[in-house]
Amino acid sequence: MSVAPSLPTPARIPTQADLLDFVRRTAADTELIASLPLDPEGRTWIRLEGPAGSEAWLIGWPPGTGTGWHDHADSVGAFLAARGTLKENSLAARLPTDGWKTLELTEDVDRERRLTAGQGRAFGRHHIHEVLNESSERHAISVHAYYPPLPRIRRYSRSGQTLRLEQVERPEDWQ
């Protein structure tokens, strides 16, 4: 009797829940959190090894800093405040994925969330948001994970209910 050779099991694609679990566990590593150098003026970051080939980052946020409006294109993600408080403004609307430069938003799409140390959230593809450290005195630190690894980040400007695509960044822009 012959036995067929076993085929390698394909790697499991991480879900939003997997990414949220990863950022929670990573944020609980007090030694890692304390190792992030903090700059008084600009964000600092360390790239981490995320689960199953995902991209992950530990980010330090000086007082008064933020990302501006952006999305992570086709990646799902999760982030969690490890220290301090972060505010997330997001849009609760299904937006077109490509082929637009300016959109008029309806009045009921804005969402606001405050994440204190230990609080996080997961999000799906094409999630448009901005993340801010509104403290005038304290740094915040967060952990982020994305799958697939970020193919691009689209940056937007917003004036009232008008959202405008301003720039598309690729990984080589962040190195």
N, C-alpha and C. Protein backbone atom coordinates (compact mmCIF):
# COMPACT_ATOMS: atom_id res chain seq x y z
N MET A 1 0.84 -1.17 0.00
CA MET A 1 0.00 0.00 0.00
C MET A 1 0.89 1.24 0.00
N SER A 2 0.59 2.17 -0.89
CA SER A 2 1.37 3.41 -0.91
C SER A 2 0.56 4.54 -0.28
N VAL A 3 1.29 5.48 0.27
CA VAL A 3 0.65 6.62 0.90
C VAL A 3 1.00 7.85 0.07
N ALA A 4 -0.01 8.60 -0.28
CA ALA A 4 0.22 9.81 -1.07
C ALA A 4 0.95 10.83 -0.21
N PRO A 5 1.91 11.53 -0.81
CA PRO A 5 2.61 12.55 -0.03
C PRO A 5 1.64 13.66 0.37
N SER A 6 1.84 14.19 1.55
CA SER A 6 0.95 15.27 2.00
C SER A 6 1.43 16.58 1.38
N LEU A 7 0.48 17.39 1.01
CA LEU A 7 0.79 18.69 0.43
C LEU A 7 0.92 19.70 1.55
N PRO A 8 1.78 20.70 1.37
CA PRO A 8 1.88 21.72 2.40
C PRO A 8 0.55 22.45 2.57
N THR A 9 0.23 22.78 3.78
CA THR A 9 -1.00 23.52 4.06
C THR A 9 -0.76 24.99 3.73
N PRO A 10 -1.66 25.58 2.95
CA PRO A 10 -1.46 27.00 2.64
C PRO A 10 -1.57 27.84 3.92
N ALA A 11 -0.82 28.91 3.96
CA ALA A 11 -0.85 29.80 5.12
C ALA A 11 -2.25 30.40 5.24
N ARG A 12 -2.73 30.49 6.45
CA ARG A 12 -4.04 31.05 6.71
C ARG A 12 -3.96 32.57 6.62
N ILE A 13 -4.87 33.16 5.91
CA ILE A 13 -4.92 34.61 5.77
C ILE A 13 -5.49 35.19 7.05
N PRO A 14 -4.79 36.16 7.67
CA PRO A 14 -5.30 36.71 8.92
C PRO A 14 -6.57 37.53 8.71
N THR A 15 -7.51 37.35 9.61
CA THR A 15 -8.76 38.11 9.59
C THR A 15 -8.60 39.39 10.39
N GLN A 16 -9.62 40.23 10.33
CA GLN A 16 -9.62 41.44 11.15
C GLN A 16 -9.50 41.06 12.64
N ALA A 17 -10.18 39.99 13.06
CA ALA A 17 -10.12 39.54 14.45
C ALA A 17 -8.70 39.09 14.81
N ASP A 18 -8.03 38.39 13.88
CA ASP A 18 -6.64 37.97 14.13
C ASP A 18 -5.73 39.19 14.31
N LEU A 19 -5.92 40.19 13.48
CA LEU A 19 -5.10 41.40 13.56
C LEU A 19 -5.37 42.15 14.86
N LEU A 20 -6.63 42.21 15.27
CA LEU A 20 -6.96 42.87 16.53
C LEU A 20 -6.36 42.11 17.71
N ASP A 21 -6.40 40.79 17.67
CA ASP A 21 -5.78 39.98 18.72
C ASP A 21 -4.27 40.24 18.76
N PHE A 22 -3.64 40.32 17.60
CA PHE A 22 -2.20 40.59 17.53
C PHE A 22 -1.86 41.94 18.14
N VAL A 23 -2.60 42.99 17.79
CA VAL A 23 -2.26 44.31 18.32
C VAL A 23 -2.50 44.36 19.83
N ARG A 24 -3.51 43.63 20.33
CA ARG A 24 -3.74 43.57 21.78
C ARG A 24 -2.56 42.91 22.50
N ARG A 25 -2.14 41.76 21.98
CA ARG A 25 -1.02 41.03 22.60
C ARG A 25 0.27 41.85 22.53
N THR A 26 0.49 42.50 21.40
CA THR A 26 1.70 43.30 21.23
C THR A 26 1.70 44.50 22.17
N ALA A 27 0.58 45.17 22.30
CA ALA A 27 0.49 46.34 23.18
C ALA A 27 0.70 45.96 24.64
N ALA A 28 0.44 44.71 24.99
CA ALA A 28 0.63 44.25 26.37
C ALA A 28 2.11 44.00 26.69
N ASP A 29 2.97 44.02 25.67
CA ASP A 29 4.41 43.82 25.87
C ASP A 29 5.03 45.14 26.31
N THR A 30 5.06 45.37 27.62
CA THR A 30 5.51 46.66 28.15
C THR A 30 6.96 46.97 27.79
N GLU A 31 7.77 45.93 27.66
CA GLU A 31 9.17 46.16 27.28
C GLU A 31 9.25 46.71 25.85
N LEU A 32 8.48 46.12 24.95
CA LEU A 32 8.46 46.60 23.56
C LEU A 32 7.94 48.04 23.51
N ILE A 33 6.86 48.31 24.19
CA ILE A 33 6.27 49.66 24.17
C ILE A 33 7.28 50.67 24.68
N ALA A 34 7.99 50.32 25.76
CA ALA A 34 8.98 51.24 26.34
C ALA A 34 10.20 51.42 25.44
N SER A 35 10.43 50.50 24.49
CA SER A 35 11.61 50.59 23.62
C SER A 35 11.45 51.58 22.48
N LEU A 36 10.24 52.05 22.24
CA LEU A 36 10.01 52.98 21.12
C LEU A 36 10.59 54.34 21.45
N PRO A 37 11.55 54.83 20.64
CA PRO A 37 12.06 56.18 20.89
C PRO A 37 10.97 57.20 20.56
N LEU A 38 10.79 58.16 21.44
CA LEU A 38 9.75 59.18 21.24
C LEU A 38 10.41 60.51 20.90
N ASP A 39 9.93 61.12 19.84
CA ASP A 39 10.43 62.42 19.37
C ASP A 39 9.42 63.48 19.81
N PRO A 40 9.89 64.62 20.31
CA PRO A 40 8.94 65.64 20.77
C PRO A 40 8.15 66.30 19.64
N GLU A 41 8.59 66.16 18.39
CA GLU A 41 7.92 66.88 17.31
C GLU A 41 7.27 66.00 16.25
N GLY A 42 7.87 64.87 15.93
CA GLY A 42 7.33 64.04 14.85
C GLY A 42 7.04 62.63 15.30
N ARG A 43 6.16 61.97 14.55
CA ARG A 43 5.85 60.58 14.87
C ARG A 43 7.09 59.72 14.67
N THR A 44 7.20 58.68 15.48
CA THR A 44 8.27 57.70 15.36
C THR A 44 7.61 56.33 15.19
N TRP A 45 8.35 55.38 14.63
CA TRP A 45 7.76 54.06 14.42
C TRP A 45 8.85 53.00 14.33
N ILE A 46 8.40 51.78 14.62
CA ILE A 46 9.21 50.58 14.45
C ILE A 46 8.35 49.60 13.69
N ARG A 47 8.91 49.02 12.64
CA ARG A 47 8.18 47.99 11.91
C ARG A 47 8.28 46.68 12.69
N LEU A 48 7.16 45.97 12.78
CA LEU A 48 7.07 44.72 13.52
C LEU A 48 6.73 43.57 12.57
N GLU A 49 6.96 42.37 13.03
CA GLU A 49 6.57 41.17 12.27
C GLU A 49 5.14 40.83 12.65
N GLY A 50 4.21 41.01 11.73
CA GLY A 50 2.81 40.72 11.99
C GLY A 50 2.48 39.27 11.73
N PRO A 51 1.29 38.82 12.11
CA PRO A 51 0.91 37.42 11.91
C PRO A 51 0.67 37.08 10.44
N ALA A 52 1.12 35.90 10.04
CA ALA A 52 0.84 35.34 8.71
C ALA A 52 1.16 36.30 7.57
N GLY A 53 2.31 36.98 7.68
CA GLY A 53 2.73 37.86 6.59
C GLY A 53 2.09 39.23 6.59
N SER A 54 1.41 39.59 7.65
CA SER A 54 0.81 40.93 7.71
C SER A 54 1.88 41.96 8.04
N GLU A 55 1.56 43.19 7.80
CA GLU A 55 2.45 44.32 8.09
C GLU A 55 2.02 44.91 9.42
N ALA A 56 2.98 45.21 10.29
CA ALA A 56 2.63 45.75 11.61
C ALA A 56 3.60 46.86 11.99
N TRP A 57 3.10 47.80 12.79
CA TRP A 57 3.88 48.96 13.19
C TRP A 57 3.59 49.33 14.63
N LEU A 58 4.62 49.76 15.34
CA LEU A 58 4.50 50.39 16.64
C LEU A 58 4.75 51.88 16.37
N ILE A 59 3.80 52.76 16.75
CA ILE A 59 3.89 54.17 16.38
C ILE A 59 3.79 55.04 17.63
N GLY A 60 4.69 56.03 17.71
CA GLY A 60 4.66 57.04 18.77
C GLY A 60 4.09 58.34 18.22
N TRP A 61 3.18 58.93 18.97
CA TRP A 61 2.47 60.14 18.56
C TRP A 61 2.77 61.27 19.53
N PRO A 62 3.56 62.26 19.14
CA PRO A 62 3.76 63.42 20.01
C PRO A 62 2.44 64.16 20.23
N PRO A 63 2.37 64.98 21.26
CA PRO A 63 1.16 65.77 21.49
C PRO A 63 0.79 66.58 20.24
N GLY A 64 -0.50 66.57 19.93
CA GLY A 64 -1.00 67.40 18.83
C GLY A 64 -0.76 66.88 17.43
N THR A 65 -0.36 65.63 17.27
CA THR A 65 -0.08 65.11 15.92
C THR A 65 -1.22 64.21 15.43
N GLY A 66 -1.24 63.99 14.12
CA GLY A 66 -2.27 63.14 13.52
C GLY A 66 -1.87 62.72 12.13
N THR A 67 -2.69 61.89 11.55
CA THR A 67 -2.39 61.32 10.24
C THR A 67 -2.97 62.11 9.08
N GLY A 68 -4.02 62.87 9.31
CA GLY A 68 -4.80 63.40 8.19
C GLY A 68 -5.70 62.28 7.67
N TRP A 69 -6.65 62.64 6.84
CA TRP A 69 -7.60 61.66 6.28
C TRP A 69 -6.87 60.75 5.30
N HIS A 70 -7.08 59.43 5.43
CA HIS A 70 -6.43 58.46 4.55
C HIS A 70 -7.20 57.14 4.59
N ASP A 71 -6.85 56.25 3.68
CA ASP A 71 -7.31 54.86 3.76
C ASP A 71 -6.13 53.94 3.48
N HIS A 72 -6.37 52.65 3.62
CA HIS A 72 -5.32 51.64 3.43
C HIS A 72 -5.62 50.75 2.23
N ALA A 73 -6.33 51.33 1.27
CA ALA A 73 -6.65 50.65 0.01
C ALA A 73 -7.30 49.29 0.27
N ASP A 74 -6.74 48.23 -0.26
CA ASP A 74 -7.35 46.90 -0.20
C ASP A 74 -7.00 46.11 1.05
N SER A 75 -6.34 46.73 2.00
CA SER A 75 -5.95 46.02 3.23
C SER A 75 -7.02 46.17 4.30
N VAL A 76 -7.20 45.10 5.09
CA VAL A 76 -7.97 45.19 6.33
C VAL A 76 -6.97 45.49 7.43
N GLY A 77 -7.43 45.98 8.56
CA GLY A 77 -6.47 46.33 9.59
C GLY A 77 -7.07 46.38 10.98
N ALA A 78 -6.19 46.66 11.93
CA ALA A 78 -6.58 46.87 13.32
C ALA A 78 -5.54 47.76 13.96
N PHE A 79 -5.97 48.54 14.92
CA PHE A 79 -5.01 49.31 15.72
C PHE A 79 -5.53 49.44 17.13
N LEU A 80 -4.60 49.70 18.05
CA LEU A 80 -4.92 49.76 19.46
C LEU A 80 -4.01 50.77 20.14
N ALA A 81 -4.57 51.57 21.03
CA ALA A 81 -3.78 52.51 21.82
C ALA A 81 -3.09 51.71 22.92
N ALA A 82 -1.76 51.77 22.96
CA ALA A 82 -1.00 51.08 24.00
C ALA A 82 -0.72 52.01 25.18
N ARG A 83 -0.64 53.30 24.89
CA ARG A 83 -0.40 54.32 25.92
C ARG A 83 -1.06 55.61 25.47
N GLY A 84 -1.66 56.34 26.38
CA GLY A 84 -2.31 57.60 26.04
C GLY A 84 -3.68 57.37 25.42
N THR A 85 -4.18 58.40 24.74
CA THR A 85 -5.50 58.36 24.11
C THR A 85 -5.38 58.83 22.66
N LEU A 86 -6.02 58.10 21.77
CA LEU A 86 -6.09 58.50 20.37
C LEU A 86 -7.55 58.72 20.00
N LYS A 87 -7.78 59.69 19.14
CA LYS A 87 -9.12 59.94 18.60
C LYS A 87 -9.11 59.48 17.15
N GLU A 88 -10.15 58.76 16.76
CA GLU A 88 -10.32 58.37 15.36
C GLU A 88 -11.59 59.00 14.84
N ASN A 89 -11.45 59.77 13.77
CA ASN A 89 -12.60 60.25 12.99
C ASN A 89 -12.68 59.35 11.77
N SER A 90 -13.87 58.84 11.48
CA SER A 90 -14.01 57.96 10.32
C SER A 90 -15.31 58.25 9.60
N LEU A 91 -15.44 57.65 8.43
CA LEU A 91 -16.62 57.83 7.61
C LEU A 91 -17.38 56.51 7.55
N ALA A 92 -18.63 56.52 7.93
CA ALA A 92 -19.48 55.34 7.88
C ALA A 92 -20.25 55.38 6.56
N ALA A 93 -19.53 55.12 5.49
CA ALA A 93 -20.14 55.16 4.16
C ALA A 93 -19.35 54.26 3.23
N ARG A 94 -20.04 53.60 2.34
CA ARG A 94 -19.36 52.81 1.31
C ARG A 94 -19.02 53.76 0.18
N LEU A 95 -17.72 53.95 -0.01
CA LEU A 95 -17.25 54.87 -1.04
C LEU A 95 -16.74 54.09 -2.24
N PRO A 96 -16.75 54.69 -3.40
CA PRO A 96 -16.16 54.01 -4.56
C PRO A 96 -14.68 53.73 -4.28
N THR A 97 -14.17 52.62 -4.80
CA THR A 97 -12.79 52.25 -4.51
C THR A 97 -11.78 52.97 -5.40
N ASP A 98 -12.14 53.26 -6.63
CA ASP A 98 -11.21 53.90 -7.56
C ASP A 98 -11.98 54.78 -8.52
N GLY A 99 -11.23 55.63 -9.21
CA GLY A 99 -11.81 56.39 -10.30
C GLY A 99 -12.50 57.67 -9.89
N TRP A 100 -12.27 58.16 -8.69
CA TRP A 100 -12.89 59.42 -8.28
C TRP A 100 -11.83 60.33 -7.66
N LYS A 101 -12.08 61.61 -7.74
CA LYS A 101 -11.17 62.60 -7.15
C LYS A 101 -11.86 63.43 -6.08
N THR A 102 -13.17 63.67 -6.23
CA THR A 102 -13.92 64.48 -5.28
C THR A 102 -15.27 63.84 -5.02
N LEU A 103 -15.66 63.80 -3.74
CA LEU A 103 -16.97 63.27 -3.35
C LEU A 103 -17.67 64.24 -2.42
N GLU A 104 -18.97 64.37 -2.59
CA GLU A 104 -19.79 65.12 -1.63
C GLU A 104 -20.38 64.09 -0.67
N LEU A 105 -20.06 64.25 0.61
CA LEU A 105 -20.52 63.32 1.64
C LEU A 105 -21.88 63.74 2.18
N THR A 106 -22.68 62.77 2.59
CA THR A 106 -23.95 63.10 3.23
C THR A 106 -23.69 63.53 4.67
N GLU A 107 -24.67 64.12 5.29
CA GLU A 107 -24.52 64.69 6.63
C GLU A 107 -24.31 63.64 7.72
N ASP A 108 -24.72 62.41 7.51
CA ASP A 108 -24.74 61.43 8.60
C ASP A 108 -23.60 60.40 8.55
N VAL A 109 -22.51 60.69 7.88
CA VAL A 109 -21.44 59.70 7.71
C VAL A 109 -20.32 59.79 8.74
N ASP A 110 -20.26 60.87 9.49
CA ASP A 110 -19.14 61.06 10.41
C ASP A 110 -19.28 60.23 11.68
N ARG A 111 -18.18 59.59 12.05
CA ARG A 111 -18.11 58.82 13.29
C ARG A 111 -16.87 59.28 14.05
N GLU A 112 -16.97 59.30 15.38
CA GLU A 112 -15.85 59.68 16.23
C GLU A 112 -15.70 58.62 17.31
N ARG A 113 -14.46 58.25 17.58
CA ARG A 113 -14.18 57.22 18.58
C ARG A 113 -12.92 57.64 19.34
N ARG A 114 -12.94 57.52 20.64
CA ARG A 114 -11.75 57.75 21.47
C ARG A 114 -11.27 56.42 21.99
N LEU A 115 -9.98 56.16 21.78
CA LEU A 115 -9.38 54.90 22.22
C LEU A 115 -8.34 55.21 23.28
N THR A 116 -8.61 54.78 24.51
CA THR A 116 -7.64 54.94 25.58
C THR A 116 -6.79 53.67 25.65
N ALA A 117 -5.71 53.71 26.42
CA ALA A 117 -4.79 52.57 26.50
C ALA A 117 -5.56 51.27 26.70
N GLY A 118 -5.27 50.31 25.82
CA GLY A 118 -5.92 49.00 25.87
C GLY A 118 -7.13 48.89 24.97
N GLN A 119 -7.59 49.99 24.39
CA GLN A 119 -8.74 49.95 23.49
C GLN A 119 -8.28 50.01 22.04
N GLY A 120 -8.96 49.23 21.21
CA GLY A 120 -8.61 49.21 19.80
C GLY A 120 -9.80 48.89 18.95
N ARG A 121 -9.54 48.76 17.67
CA ARG A 121 -10.61 48.42 16.73
C ARG A 121 -10.03 47.82 15.47
N ALA A 122 -10.84 47.06 14.81
CA ALA A 122 -10.49 46.50 13.50
C ALA A 122 -11.33 47.22 12.45
N PHE A 123 -10.87 47.17 11.21
CA PHE A 123 -11.61 47.81 10.13
C PHE A 123 -11.39 47.06 8.82
N GLY A 124 -12.32 47.28 7.90
CA GLY A 124 -12.27 46.60 6.61
C GLY A 124 -11.57 47.41 5.54
N ARG A 125 -11.62 46.88 4.34
CA ARG A 125 -10.99 47.54 3.19
C ARG A 125 -11.64 48.90 2.93
N HIS A 126 -10.81 49.82 2.43
CA HIS A 126 -11.28 51.14 2.01
C HIS A 126 -11.88 51.96 3.16
N HIS A 127 -11.43 51.70 4.38
CA HIS A 127 -11.89 52.44 5.56
C HIS A 127 -11.16 53.79 5.59
N ILE A 128 -11.90 54.87 5.44
CA ILE A 128 -11.31 56.20 5.43
C ILE A 128 -11.41 56.78 6.84
N HIS A 129 -10.24 57.21 7.36
CA HIS A 129 -10.23 57.77 8.71
C HIS A 129 -9.03 58.69 8.90
N GLU A 130 -9.02 59.35 10.04
CA GLU A 130 -7.84 60.07 10.51
C GLU A 130 -7.68 59.72 11.98
N VAL A 131 -6.43 59.65 12.43
CA VAL A 131 -6.12 59.31 13.81
C VAL A 131 -5.33 60.47 14.40
N LEU A 132 -5.70 60.88 15.62
CA LEU A 132 -5.11 62.07 16.23
C LEU A 132 -4.74 61.82 17.69
N ASN A 133 -3.64 62.41 18.13
CA ASN A 133 -3.33 62.53 19.54
C ASN A 133 -3.64 63.98 19.91
N GLU A 134 -4.78 64.20 20.53
CA GLU A 134 -5.21 65.56 20.83
C GLU A 134 -4.62 66.10 22.14
N SER A 135 -3.88 65.28 22.86
CA SER A 135 -3.26 65.75 24.09
C SER A 135 -2.28 66.88 23.78
N SER A 136 -2.24 67.86 24.65
CA SER A 136 -1.26 68.93 24.48
C SER A 136 0.01 68.67 25.29
N GLU A 137 0.01 67.56 26.05
CA GLU A 137 1.14 67.29 26.95
C GLU A 137 1.76 65.90 26.83
N ARG A 138 0.98 64.90 26.44
CA ARG A 138 1.45 63.53 26.53
C ARG A 138 1.54 62.84 25.17
N HIS A 139 2.59 62.04 25.02
CA HIS A 139 2.69 61.16 23.86
C HIS A 139 1.63 60.06 23.96
N ALA A 140 1.25 59.55 22.83
CA ALA A 140 0.45 58.33 22.77
C ALA A 140 1.28 57.32 21.99
N ILE A 141 1.05 56.04 22.23
CA ILE A 141 1.71 54.96 21.49
C ILE A 141 0.63 53.98 21.05
N SER A 142 0.74 53.51 19.81
CA SER A 142 -0.24 52.57 19.29
C SER A 142 0.44 51.46 18.51
N VAL A 143 -0.31 50.37 18.33
CA VAL A 143 0.14 49.23 17.53
C VAL A 143 -0.86 49.06 16.39
N HIS A 144 -0.36 48.86 15.16
CA HIS A 144 -1.19 48.74 13.96
C HIS A 144 -0.79 47.47 13.20
N ALA A 145 -1.75 46.83 12.56
CA ALA A 145 -1.46 45.67 11.70
C ALA A 145 -2.40 45.70 10.50
N TYR A 146 -1.86 45.29 9.34
CA TYR A 146 -2.61 45.33 8.07
C TYR A 146 -2.34 44.07 7.27
N TYR A 147 -3.39 43.57 6.61
CA TYR A 147 -3.23 42.47 5.67
C TYR A 147 -4.17 42.70 4.49
N PRO A 148 -3.69 42.51 3.27
CA PRO A 148 -2.30 42.26 2.94
C PRO A 148 -1.43 43.47 3.28
N PRO A 149 -0.10 43.27 3.32
CA PRO A 149 0.77 44.41 3.57
C PRO A 149 0.37 45.58 2.67
N LEU A 150 0.44 46.77 3.21
CA LEU A 150 -0.10 47.95 2.53
C LEU A 150 0.42 48.12 1.11
N PRO A 151 -0.47 48.02 0.11
CA PRO A 151 -0.06 48.25 -1.27
C PRO A 151 0.06 49.73 -1.57
N ARG A 152 -0.71 50.53 -0.83
CA ARG A 152 -0.69 51.98 -0.99
C ARG A 152 -1.55 52.60 0.11
N ILE A 153 -1.35 53.87 0.31
CA ILE A 153 -2.20 54.66 1.19
C ILE A 153 -2.68 55.84 0.36
N ARG A 154 -3.97 56.06 0.38
CA ARG A 154 -4.52 57.21 -0.32
C ARG A 154 -4.80 58.30 0.71
N ARG A 155 -4.31 59.50 0.43
CA ARG A 155 -4.47 60.64 1.34
C ARG A 155 -5.53 61.59 0.77
N TYR A 156 -6.35 62.12 1.69
CA TYR A 156 -7.47 62.96 1.31
C TYR A 156 -7.42 64.29 2.05
N SER A 157 -8.04 65.30 1.48
CA SER A 157 -8.32 66.54 2.20
C SER A 157 -9.82 66.60 2.38
N ARG A 158 -10.23 67.33 3.39
CA ARG A 158 -11.67 67.46 3.64
C ARG A 158 -12.00 68.90 3.98
N SER A 159 -13.00 69.40 3.30
CA SER A 159 -13.52 70.74 3.57
C SER A 159 -15.03 70.60 3.68
N GLY A 160 -15.55 70.71 4.91
CA GLY A 160 -16.98 70.50 5.12
C GLY A 160 -17.35 69.08 4.72
N GLN A 161 -18.29 68.96 3.80
CA GLN A 161 -18.74 67.63 3.36
C GLN A 161 -18.06 67.21 2.05
N THR A 162 -17.02 67.92 1.63
CA THR A 162 -16.30 67.57 0.41
C THR A 162 -15.01 66.84 0.75
N LEU A 163 -14.87 65.63 0.23
CA LEU A 163 -13.68 64.81 0.41
C LEU A 163 -12.96 64.75 -0.94
N ARG A 164 -11.67 65.06 -0.92
CA ARG A 164 -10.90 65.14 -2.17
C ARG A 164 -9.66 64.27 -2.07
N LEU A 165 -9.45 63.39 -3.05
CA LEU A 165 -8.23 62.59 -3.13
C LEU A 165 -7.08 63.51 -3.50
N GLU A 166 -6.03 63.52 -2.67
CA GLU A 166 -4.90 64.42 -2.88
C GLU A 166 -3.64 63.70 -3.34
N GLN A 167 -3.41 62.49 -2.83
CA GLN A 167 -2.12 61.83 -3.09
C GLN A 167 -2.27 60.33 -2.88
N VAL A 168 -1.51 59.57 -3.66
CA VAL A 168 -1.42 58.12 -3.46
C VAL A 168 0.03 57.80 -3.13
N GLU A 169 0.26 57.20 -1.96
CA GLU A 169 1.61 56.83 -1.53
C GLU A 169 1.79 55.33 -1.68
N ARG A 170 2.99 54.93 -2.03
CA ARG A 170 3.35 53.52 -2.16
C ARG A 170 4.39 53.18 -1.10
N PRO A 171 4.60 51.90 -0.80
CA PRO A 171 5.56 51.51 0.25
C PRO A 171 6.93 52.15 0.12
N GLU A 172 7.42 52.33 -1.08
CA GLU A 172 8.75 52.93 -1.24
C GLU A 172 8.79 54.37 -0.74
N ASP A 173 7.62 55.01 -0.63
CA ASP A 173 7.56 56.39 -0.10
C ASP A 173 7.77 56.44 1.41
N TRP A 174 7.62 55.30 2.11
CA TRP A 174 7.67 55.29 3.58
C TRP A 174 9.00 54.79 4.11
N GLN A 175 9.88 54.36 3.27
CA GLN A 175 11.14 53.76 3.75
C GLN A 175 12.10 54.79 4.26
